[in-house]
């Protein structure tokens, strides 16, 4: 009695190829969909860094002033308008200053805006 060997399976079946294509295309589409979000966040991180640097520059200016000369004011640094206000001046030798920075930035859910506001408070010692 002669037995026949089944032929060796070479290559992939059509079902395996289709399944692999579906998995691969799903992954590629997910990466493509997130590309826009990544670019938006990269642009916003640059603006956020500029905003922080503008605020830091004003803080350094206020710290370098004589204590008695620290008063309300504002300045423009790049695309940002930075204003500050002395909110408390107790007789103990401390001044609390509120700094408000306004300029372009990204607002989650709303997109790019030219009126993003950021505030910081610092305390100056005599």
N, C-alpha and C. Protein backbone atom coordinates (compact mmCIF):
# COMPACT_ATOMS: atom_id res chain seq x y z
N UNK A 1 0.82 -1.14 0.00
CA UNK A 1 0.00 0.00 0.00
C UNK A 1 0.89 1.24 0.00
N UNK A 2 0.56 2.11 -0.85
CA UNK A 2 1.37 3.29 -1.03
C UNK A 2 0.65 4.49 -0.39
N UNK A 3 1.36 5.23 0.48
CA UNK A 3 0.76 6.41 1.09
C UNK A 3 1.30 7.66 0.41
N UNK A 4 0.45 8.61 0.28
CA UNK A 4 0.90 9.87 -0.33
C UNK A 4 1.12 10.89 0.77
N UNK A 5 2.21 11.57 0.64
CA UNK A 5 2.52 12.65 1.59
C UNK A 5 1.78 13.91 1.18
N UNK A 6 1.26 14.61 2.17
CA UNK A 6 0.62 15.87 1.82
C UNK A 6 1.69 16.86 1.32
N UNK A 7 1.33 17.69 0.38
CA UNK A 7 2.32 18.66 -0.11
C UNK A 7 2.71 19.63 1.00
N UNK A 8 3.96 20.05 0.99
CA UNK A 8 4.42 21.02 2.00
C UNK A 8 3.76 22.37 1.74
N UNK A 9 3.41 23.01 2.82
CA UNK A 9 2.75 24.31 2.69
C UNK A 9 3.83 25.38 2.56
N UNK A 10 3.88 26.02 1.45
CA UNK A 10 4.82 27.11 1.23
C UNK A 10 4.04 28.41 1.12
N UNK A 11 4.56 29.49 1.76
CA UNK A 11 3.92 30.79 1.65
C UNK A 11 2.80 30.98 2.65
N UNK A 12 1.96 31.98 2.37
CA UNK A 12 0.87 32.35 3.26
C UNK A 12 -0.45 32.11 2.55
N UNK A 13 -1.46 31.86 3.36
CA UNK A 13 -2.79 31.74 2.77
C UNK A 13 -3.37 33.13 2.58
N UNK A 14 -4.39 33.21 1.80
CA UNK A 14 -5.03 34.50 1.52
C UNK A 14 -5.62 35.10 2.79
N UNK A 15 -6.15 34.29 3.68
CA UNK A 15 -6.72 34.76 4.94
C UNK A 15 -5.63 35.40 5.81
N UNK A 16 -4.46 34.79 5.87
CA UNK A 16 -3.35 35.34 6.66
C UNK A 16 -2.90 36.68 6.10
N UNK A 17 -2.82 36.79 4.79
CA UNK A 17 -2.40 38.05 4.16
C UNK A 17 -3.41 39.15 4.45
N UNK A 18 -4.69 38.88 4.32
CA UNK A 18 -5.72 39.89 4.58
C UNK A 18 -5.70 40.31 6.04
N UNK A 19 -5.55 39.37 6.95
CA UNK A 19 -5.51 39.70 8.38
C UNK A 19 -4.29 40.58 8.69
N UNK A 20 -3.15 40.24 8.12
CA UNK A 20 -1.95 41.05 8.34
C UNK A 20 -2.12 42.46 7.78
N UNK A 21 -2.76 42.59 6.62
CA UNK A 21 -2.98 43.91 6.03
C UNK A 21 -3.92 44.76 6.88
N UNK A 22 -4.95 44.15 7.44
CA UNK A 22 -5.89 44.89 8.30
C UNK A 22 -5.18 45.40 9.54
N UNK A 23 -4.39 44.55 10.17
CA UNK A 23 -3.67 44.96 11.39
C UNK A 23 -2.67 46.06 11.07
N UNK A 24 -1.92 45.92 10.00
CA UNK A 24 -0.93 46.91 9.61
C UNK A 24 -1.57 48.24 9.24
N UNK A 25 -2.65 48.21 8.48
CA UNK A 25 -3.29 49.46 8.07
C UNK A 25 -3.93 50.17 9.26
N UNK A 26 -4.45 49.43 10.22
CA UNK A 26 -5.00 50.05 11.43
C UNK A 26 -3.91 50.80 12.20
N UNK A 27 -2.76 50.19 12.33
CA UNK A 27 -1.65 50.85 13.02
C UNK A 27 -1.16 52.09 12.28
N UNK A 28 -1.06 52.01 10.96
CA UNK A 28 -0.59 53.15 10.17
C UNK A 28 -1.60 54.29 10.22
N UNK A 29 -2.90 53.98 10.15
CA UNK A 29 -3.92 55.02 10.24
C UNK A 29 -3.92 55.69 11.61
N UNK A 30 -3.69 54.94 12.66
CA UNK A 30 -3.62 55.53 14.01
C UNK A 30 -2.44 56.49 14.11
N UNK A 31 -1.30 56.11 13.54
CA UNK A 31 -0.14 57.00 13.56
C UNK A 31 -0.40 58.26 12.74
N UNK A 32 -1.04 58.11 11.58
CA UNK A 32 -1.33 59.27 10.73
C UNK A 32 -2.32 60.20 11.41
N UNK A 33 -3.29 59.65 12.12
CA UNK A 33 -4.28 60.48 12.80
C UNK A 33 -3.66 61.27 13.94
N UNK A 34 -2.67 60.73 14.59
CA UNK A 34 -2.06 61.44 15.72
C UNK A 34 -1.01 62.46 15.28
N UNK A 35 -0.63 62.46 14.03
CA UNK A 35 0.40 63.38 13.55
C UNK A 35 -0.02 64.84 13.71
N UNK A 36 -1.27 65.16 13.39
CA UNK A 36 -1.76 66.54 13.54
C UNK A 36 -1.70 67.01 14.98
N UNK A 37 -2.10 66.14 15.88
CA UNK A 37 -2.06 66.49 17.30
C UNK A 37 -0.63 66.73 17.76
N UNK A 38 0.29 65.90 17.31
CA UNK A 38 1.70 66.04 17.70
C UNK A 38 2.25 67.38 17.21
N UNK A 39 1.97 67.73 15.97
CA UNK A 39 2.46 69.01 15.44
C UNK A 39 1.85 70.20 16.18
N UNK A 40 0.58 70.10 16.53
CA UNK A 40 -0.06 71.18 17.29
C UNK A 40 0.60 71.34 18.65
N UNK A 41 0.85 70.25 19.33
CA UNK A 41 1.48 70.32 20.66
C UNK A 41 2.92 70.83 20.57
N UNK A 42 3.63 70.48 19.50
CA UNK A 42 4.99 70.99 19.32
C UNK A 42 4.97 72.50 19.14
N UNK A 43 4.05 73.00 18.34
CA UNK A 43 3.93 74.45 18.15
C UNK A 43 3.56 75.15 19.44
N UNK A 44 2.65 74.55 20.19
CA UNK A 44 2.24 75.15 21.46
C UNK A 44 3.36 75.13 22.48
N UNK A 45 4.18 74.10 22.47
CA UNK A 45 5.27 74.06 23.44
C UNK A 45 6.28 75.18 23.17
N UNK A 46 6.47 75.53 21.91
CA UNK A 46 7.34 76.66 21.59
C UNK A 46 6.77 77.97 22.11
N UNK A 47 5.48 78.18 21.90
CA UNK A 47 4.83 79.40 22.41
C UNK A 47 4.83 79.43 23.93
N UNK A 48 4.61 78.28 24.54
CA UNK A 48 4.61 78.21 26.00
C UNK A 48 5.98 78.56 26.56
N UNK A 49 7.03 78.11 25.89
CA UNK A 49 8.38 78.45 26.32
C UNK A 49 8.63 79.95 26.19
N UNK A 50 8.19 80.56 25.08
CA UNK A 50 8.34 82.00 24.89
C UNK A 50 7.59 82.77 25.97
N UNK A 51 6.37 82.30 26.30
CA UNK A 51 5.57 82.96 27.33
C UNK A 51 6.28 82.89 28.69
N UNK A 52 6.84 81.73 29.01
CA UNK A 52 7.56 81.58 30.27
C UNK A 52 8.80 82.46 30.32
N UNK A 53 9.51 82.55 29.22
CA UNK A 53 10.70 83.41 29.18
C UNK A 53 10.34 84.89 29.34
N UNK A 54 9.24 85.32 28.73
CA UNK A 54 8.80 86.71 28.88
C UNK A 54 8.44 87.00 30.34
N UNK A 55 7.73 86.07 30.98
CA UNK A 55 7.39 86.24 32.39
C UNK A 55 8.65 86.27 33.25
N UNK A 56 9.58 85.38 32.97
CA UNK A 56 10.82 85.32 33.74
C UNK A 56 11.62 86.61 33.59
N UNK A 57 11.61 87.18 32.39
CA UNK A 57 12.34 88.44 32.17
C UNK A 57 11.76 89.56 33.02
N UNK A 58 10.42 89.63 33.10
CA UNK A 58 9.79 90.66 33.94
C UNK A 58 10.09 90.41 35.41
N UNK A 59 10.07 89.17 35.85
CA UNK A 59 10.39 88.85 37.24
C UNK A 59 11.81 89.30 37.57
N UNK A 60 12.74 89.05 36.68
CA UNK A 60 14.13 89.47 36.92
C UNK A 60 14.24 90.99 36.95
N UNK A 61 13.49 91.69 36.10
CA UNK A 61 13.50 93.16 36.13
C UNK A 61 12.97 93.67 37.47
N UNK A 62 11.87 93.08 37.94
CA UNK A 62 11.30 93.52 39.21
C UNK A 62 12.23 93.22 40.38
N UNK A 63 12.90 92.09 40.35
CA UNK A 63 13.82 91.74 41.43
C UNK A 63 15.05 92.66 41.45
N UNK A 64 15.43 93.18 40.28
CA UNK A 64 16.61 94.03 40.22
C UNK A 64 16.31 95.48 40.62
N UNK A 65 15.04 95.86 40.68
CA UNK A 65 14.66 97.23 41.05
C UNK A 65 14.82 97.44 42.55
N UNK A 66 15.10 98.68 42.94
CA UNK A 66 15.01 98.98 44.37
C UNK A 66 13.58 98.74 44.86
N UNK A 67 13.45 98.28 46.08
CA UNK A 67 12.16 97.89 46.64
C UNK A 67 11.13 99.01 46.53
N UNK A 68 11.52 100.23 46.81
CA UNK A 68 10.59 101.36 46.80
C UNK A 68 10.11 101.70 45.39
N UNK A 69 10.86 101.33 44.37
CA UNK A 69 10.50 101.68 42.99
C UNK A 69 9.58 100.65 42.31
N UNK A 70 9.29 99.55 42.97
CA UNK A 70 8.43 98.53 42.36
C UNK A 70 6.99 99.03 42.38
N UNK A 71 6.47 99.32 41.17
CA UNK A 71 5.12 99.84 41.00
C UNK A 71 4.45 99.10 39.86
N UNK A 72 3.14 99.37 39.69
CA UNK A 72 2.40 98.76 38.59
C UNK A 72 3.02 99.17 37.25
N UNK A 73 2.92 98.26 36.26
CA UNK A 73 3.46 98.59 34.95
C UNK A 73 3.15 97.50 33.93
N UNK A 74 3.63 97.71 32.72
CA UNK A 74 3.47 96.70 31.67
C UNK A 74 4.54 96.90 30.61
N UNK A 75 4.78 95.87 29.84
CA UNK A 75 5.75 95.90 28.76
C UNK A 75 5.35 94.86 27.72
N UNK A 76 5.91 95.01 26.53
CA UNK A 76 5.69 94.04 25.47
C UNK A 76 7.01 93.35 25.18
N UNK A 77 6.99 92.03 25.22
CA UNK A 77 8.18 91.22 24.94
C UNK A 77 7.79 90.25 23.84
N UNK A 78 8.33 90.45 22.65
CA UNK A 78 7.97 89.61 21.52
C UNK A 78 6.49 89.76 21.20
N UNK A 79 5.77 88.66 21.17
CA UNK A 79 4.33 88.68 20.89
C UNK A 79 3.49 88.77 22.16
N UNK A 80 4.11 88.95 23.31
CA UNK A 80 3.41 88.87 24.58
C UNK A 80 3.38 90.22 25.28
N UNK A 81 2.23 90.54 25.85
CA UNK A 81 2.08 91.74 26.67
C UNK A 81 2.08 91.28 28.12
N UNK A 82 3.05 91.77 28.87
CA UNK A 82 3.20 91.37 30.27
C UNK A 82 2.91 92.59 31.12
N UNK A 83 1.94 92.46 32.02
CA UNK A 83 1.62 93.56 32.94
C UNK A 83 1.71 93.04 34.37
N UNK A 84 2.00 93.94 35.29
CA UNK A 84 2.11 93.54 36.69
C UNK A 84 1.47 94.60 37.56
N UNK A 85 1.01 94.14 38.70
CA UNK A 85 0.33 95.00 39.66
C UNK A 85 0.73 94.60 41.06
N UNK A 86 1.08 95.57 41.87
CA UNK A 86 1.40 95.31 43.28
C UNK A 86 0.07 95.13 43.99
N UNK A 87 -0.19 93.91 44.49
CA UNK A 87 -1.49 93.61 45.09
C UNK A 87 -1.50 93.74 46.60
N UNK A 88 -0.34 93.71 47.22
CA UNK A 88 -0.30 93.95 48.67
C UNK A 88 1.04 94.56 49.03
N UNK A 89 1.00 95.47 49.97
CA UNK A 89 2.21 96.15 50.40
C UNK A 89 2.16 96.34 51.92
N UNK A 90 2.26 95.23 52.64
CA UNK A 90 2.22 95.36 54.10
C UNK A 90 3.47 96.06 54.62
N UNK A 91 3.35 96.57 55.81
CA UNK A 91 4.47 97.31 56.40
C UNK A 91 5.61 96.39 56.84
N UNK A 92 5.46 95.09 56.64
CA UNK A 92 6.49 94.15 57.08
C UNK A 92 7.66 94.05 56.12
N UNK A 93 7.65 94.81 55.04
CA UNK A 93 8.76 94.77 54.10
C UNK A 93 8.59 93.77 52.98
N UNK A 94 7.35 93.36 52.72
CA UNK A 94 7.05 92.43 51.64
C UNK A 94 6.10 93.08 50.64
N UNK A 95 6.30 92.80 49.36
CA UNK A 95 5.36 93.22 48.32
C UNK A 95 4.98 91.99 47.51
N UNK A 96 3.69 91.79 47.33
CA UNK A 96 3.21 90.72 46.47
C UNK A 96 2.83 91.34 45.14
N UNK A 97 3.38 90.78 44.06
CA UNK A 97 3.16 91.32 42.72
C UNK A 97 2.49 90.24 41.88
N UNK A 98 1.38 90.60 41.24
CA UNK A 98 0.69 89.68 40.31
C UNK A 98 1.11 90.05 38.90
N UNK A 99 1.63 89.08 38.18
CA UNK A 99 2.10 89.27 36.81
C UNK A 99 1.14 88.54 35.88
N UNK A 100 0.61 89.24 34.87
CA UNK A 100 -0.30 88.65 33.90
C UNK A 100 0.36 88.74 32.53
N UNK A 101 0.45 87.61 31.87
CA UNK A 101 1.07 87.51 30.55
C UNK A 101 -0.02 87.15 29.55
N UNK A 102 -0.16 87.94 28.48
CA UNK A 102 -1.18 87.68 27.48
C UNK A 102 -0.53 87.63 26.10
N UNK A 103 -0.87 86.60 25.34
CA UNK A 103 -0.31 86.46 24.00
C UNK A 103 -0.85 85.22 23.32
N UNK A 104 -0.29 84.89 22.16
CA UNK A 104 -0.81 83.75 21.40
C UNK A 104 -0.51 82.42 22.06
N UNK A 105 -1.39 81.46 21.83
CA UNK A 105 -1.20 80.12 22.37
C UNK A 105 -2.32 79.22 21.94
N UNK A 106 -2.24 77.98 22.33
CA UNK A 106 -3.23 76.97 21.97
C UNK A 106 -4.13 76.70 23.16
N UNK A 107 -5.43 76.76 22.95
CA UNK A 107 -6.41 76.46 23.99
C UNK A 107 -7.05 75.12 23.63
N UNK A 108 -6.94 74.16 24.53
CA UNK A 108 -7.47 72.82 24.27
C UNK A 108 -8.96 72.89 23.96
N UNK A 109 -9.36 72.31 22.87
CA UNK A 109 -10.76 72.29 22.48
C UNK A 109 -11.20 73.49 21.67
N UNK A 110 -10.39 74.55 21.63
CA UNK A 110 -10.75 75.76 20.91
C UNK A 110 -9.77 76.08 19.78
N UNK A 111 -8.57 75.55 19.85
CA UNK A 111 -7.57 75.81 18.81
C UNK A 111 -6.67 76.98 19.18
N UNK A 112 -6.02 77.54 18.16
CA UNK A 112 -5.09 78.65 18.39
C UNK A 112 -5.85 79.92 18.71
N UNK A 113 -5.34 80.66 19.67
CA UNK A 113 -5.98 81.90 20.10
C UNK A 113 -4.91 82.95 20.32
N UNK A 114 -5.27 84.22 20.13
CA UNK A 114 -4.30 85.29 20.37
C UNK A 114 -4.45 85.88 21.77
N UNK A 115 -5.35 85.35 22.56
CA UNK A 115 -5.61 85.93 23.88
C UNK A 115 -5.47 84.92 25.00
N UNK A 116 -4.42 84.14 24.99
CA UNK A 116 -4.16 83.22 26.09
C UNK A 116 -3.55 84.03 27.24
N UNK A 117 -4.13 83.89 28.42
CA UNK A 117 -3.65 84.63 29.59
C UNK A 117 -3.04 83.66 30.60
N UNK A 118 -1.96 84.10 31.20
CA UNK A 118 -1.26 83.30 32.19
C UNK A 118 -0.89 84.24 33.33
N UNK A 119 -1.08 83.84 34.57
CA UNK A 119 -0.76 84.73 35.69
C UNK A 119 0.17 84.05 36.68
N UNK A 120 0.99 84.88 37.32
CA UNK A 120 1.96 84.43 38.29
C UNK A 120 2.00 85.45 39.42
N UNK A 121 2.22 84.99 40.62
CA UNK A 121 2.41 85.90 41.75
C UNK A 121 3.79 85.67 42.35
N UNK A 122 4.46 86.78 42.66
CA UNK A 122 5.76 86.70 43.32
C UNK A 122 5.72 87.61 44.55
N UNK A 123 6.57 87.31 45.50
CA UNK A 123 6.71 88.13 46.69
C UNK A 123 8.13 88.67 46.74
N UNK A 124 8.23 89.98 46.88
CA UNK A 124 9.54 90.65 46.94
C UNK A 124 9.82 91.05 48.37
N UNK A 125 11.04 90.86 48.79
CA UNK A 125 11.48 91.25 50.13
C UNK A 125 12.24 92.57 50.06
N UNK A 126 12.12 93.35 51.11
CA UNK A 126 12.83 94.61 51.18
C UNK A 126 14.31 94.37 51.26
